Amino acid sequence: MFFFLFISILITGAMLWFASLLTDVKIDFKQTSIAAGASSLTSAVPVFGWPLSFIVLFYLLRYFSKADIWPDIILVVLTSKILTILFGMIMIQIFY
């Protein structure tokens, strides 16, 4: 279980990092992985975890990058979600 959590954090961190390159927001892979990990752990809180995880993700990305929430950080998160969906579709085509 911890292995899959670790892989999920690495993939999410990589997608956030790649999205930051595409959107020209300066943030390191280590920082995106920390933000993804903290967001993932926060989402485990019952009832309020999911909305809190987005708040933690946006706060940490803002803290690490010093970029504006609108439009920079929101664009990074949206781009990373799109990249994650595309990555998942590619992995399904390869391994299924």
Protein backbone atom coordinates (compact mmCIF):
# COMPACT_ATOMS: atom_id res chain seq x y z
CA MET A 1 0.00 0.00 0.00
CA PHE A 2 2.80 2.40 0.87
CA PHE A 3 4.51 1.52 -2.39
CA PHE A 4 1.47 2.63 -4.40
CA LEU A 5 1.16 5.80 -2.33
CA PHE A 6 4.83 6.55 -3.00
CA ILE A 7 4.41 5.93 -6.75
CA SER A 8 1.28 8.11 -6.80
CA ILE A 9 3.14 10.94 -5.06
CA LEU A 10 6.03 10.66 -7.52
CA ILE A 11 3.74 10.67 -10.55
CA THR A 12 1.72 13.59 -9.24
CA GLY A 13 4.91 15.47 -8.37
CA ALA A 14 6.29 14.81 -11.84
CA MET A 15 3.10 16.01 -13.51
CA LEU A 16 3.05 19.16 -11.37
CA TRP A 17 6.70 19.78 -12.21
CA PHE A 18 6.12 19.25 -15.94
CA ALA A 19 3.05 21.51 -15.81
CA SER A 20 5.15 24.18 -14.08
CA LEU A 21 7.63 24.00 -16.96
CA LEU A 22 4.82 24.42 -19.49
CA THR A 23 3.30 27.35 -17.61
CA ASP A 24 6.66 29.01 -16.82
CA VAL A 25 6.27 28.81 -13.01
CA LYS A 26 9.60 28.25 -11.25
CA ILE A 27 9.33 25.25 -8.93
CA ASP A 28 11.54 22.19 -8.38
CA PHE A 29 10.57 18.53 -8.64
CA LYS A 30 11.37 18.03 -4.96
CA GLN A 31 8.99 20.84 -4.01
CA THR A 32 6.18 19.55 -6.23
CA SER A 33 6.62 16.09 -4.72
CA ILE A 34 6.41 17.51 -1.19
CA ALA A 35 3.24 19.40 -2.12
CA ALA A 36 1.75 16.28 -3.72
CA GLY A 37 2.62 14.16 -0.68
CA ALA A 38 1.17 16.62 1.80
CA SER A 39 -1.96 16.96 -0.30
CA SER A 40 -2.30 13.19 -0.53
CA LEU A 41 -1.93 12.74 3.22
CA THR A 42 -4.43 15.51 3.89
CA SER A 43 -6.99 13.83 1.66
CA ALA A 44 -7.08 10.91 4.12
CA VAL A 45 -8.87 13.07 6.70
CA PRO A 46 -12.50 11.91 6.89
CA VAL A 47 -15.25 14.21 5.54
CA PHE A 48 -13.11 17.35 5.01
CA GLY A 49 -10.04 15.70 3.49
CA TRP A 50 -10.74 16.25 -0.17
CA PRO A 51 -11.32 20.04 -0.01
CA LEU A 52 -8.48 20.41 2.51
CA SER A 53 -6.12 18.58 0.18
CA PHE A 54 -6.70 21.20 -2.53
CA ILE A 55 -6.10 24.01 -0.04
CA VAL A 56 -2.85 22.36 1.09
CA LEU A 57 -1.75 21.80 -2.51
CA PHE A 58 -2.42 25.39 -3.55
CA TYR A 59 -0.82 26.79 -0.38
CA LEU A 60 2.38 24.75 -0.73
CA LEU A 61 2.74 25.46 -4.44
CA ARG A 62 2.26 29.15 -3.70
CA TYR A 63 4.76 28.97 -0.82
CA PHE A 64 7.43 27.15 -2.86
CA SER A 65 7.07 29.09 -6.11
CA LYS A 66 6.13 32.58 -4.85
CA ALA A 67 3.77 32.75 -7.85
CA ASP A 68 0.29 34.24 -7.81
CA ILE A 69 -2.65 31.93 -7.14
CA TRP A 70 -4.50 33.37 -10.13
CA PRO A 71 -3.66 32.51 -12.86
CA ASP A 72 -0.28 30.83 -12.24
CA ILE A 73 -0.92 28.19 -9.57
CA ILE A 74 -4.44 27.40 -10.79
CA LEU A 75 -3.07 26.93 -14.30
CA VAL A 76 -0.30 24.65 -13.02
CA VAL A 77 -2.80 22.46 -11.15
CA LEU A 78 -5.26 22.28 -14.05
CA THR A 79 -2.47 21.49 -16.52
CA SER A 80 -1.09 18.79 -14.23
CA LYS A 81 -4.54 17.19 -13.90
CA ILE A 82 -4.88 17.11 -17.69
CA LEU A 83 -1.37 15.64 -18.02
CA THR A 84 -2.18 13.01 -15.38
CA ILE A 85 -5.30 11.95 -17.29
CA LEU A 86 -3.31 11.72 -20.53
CA PHE A 87 -0.56 9.76 -18.76
CA GLY A 88 -3.16 7.35 -17.38
CA MET A 89 -4.68 6.85 -20.80
CA ILE A 90 -1.26 6.10 -22.27
CA MET A 91 -0.47 3.62 -19.48
CA ILE A 92 -3.80 1.86 -20.04
CA GLN A 93 -3.03 1.54 -23.76
CA ILE A 94 0.43 0.15 -23.02
CA PHE A 95 -0.40 -2.28 -20.23
CA TYR A 96 -3.98 -3.32 -20.93
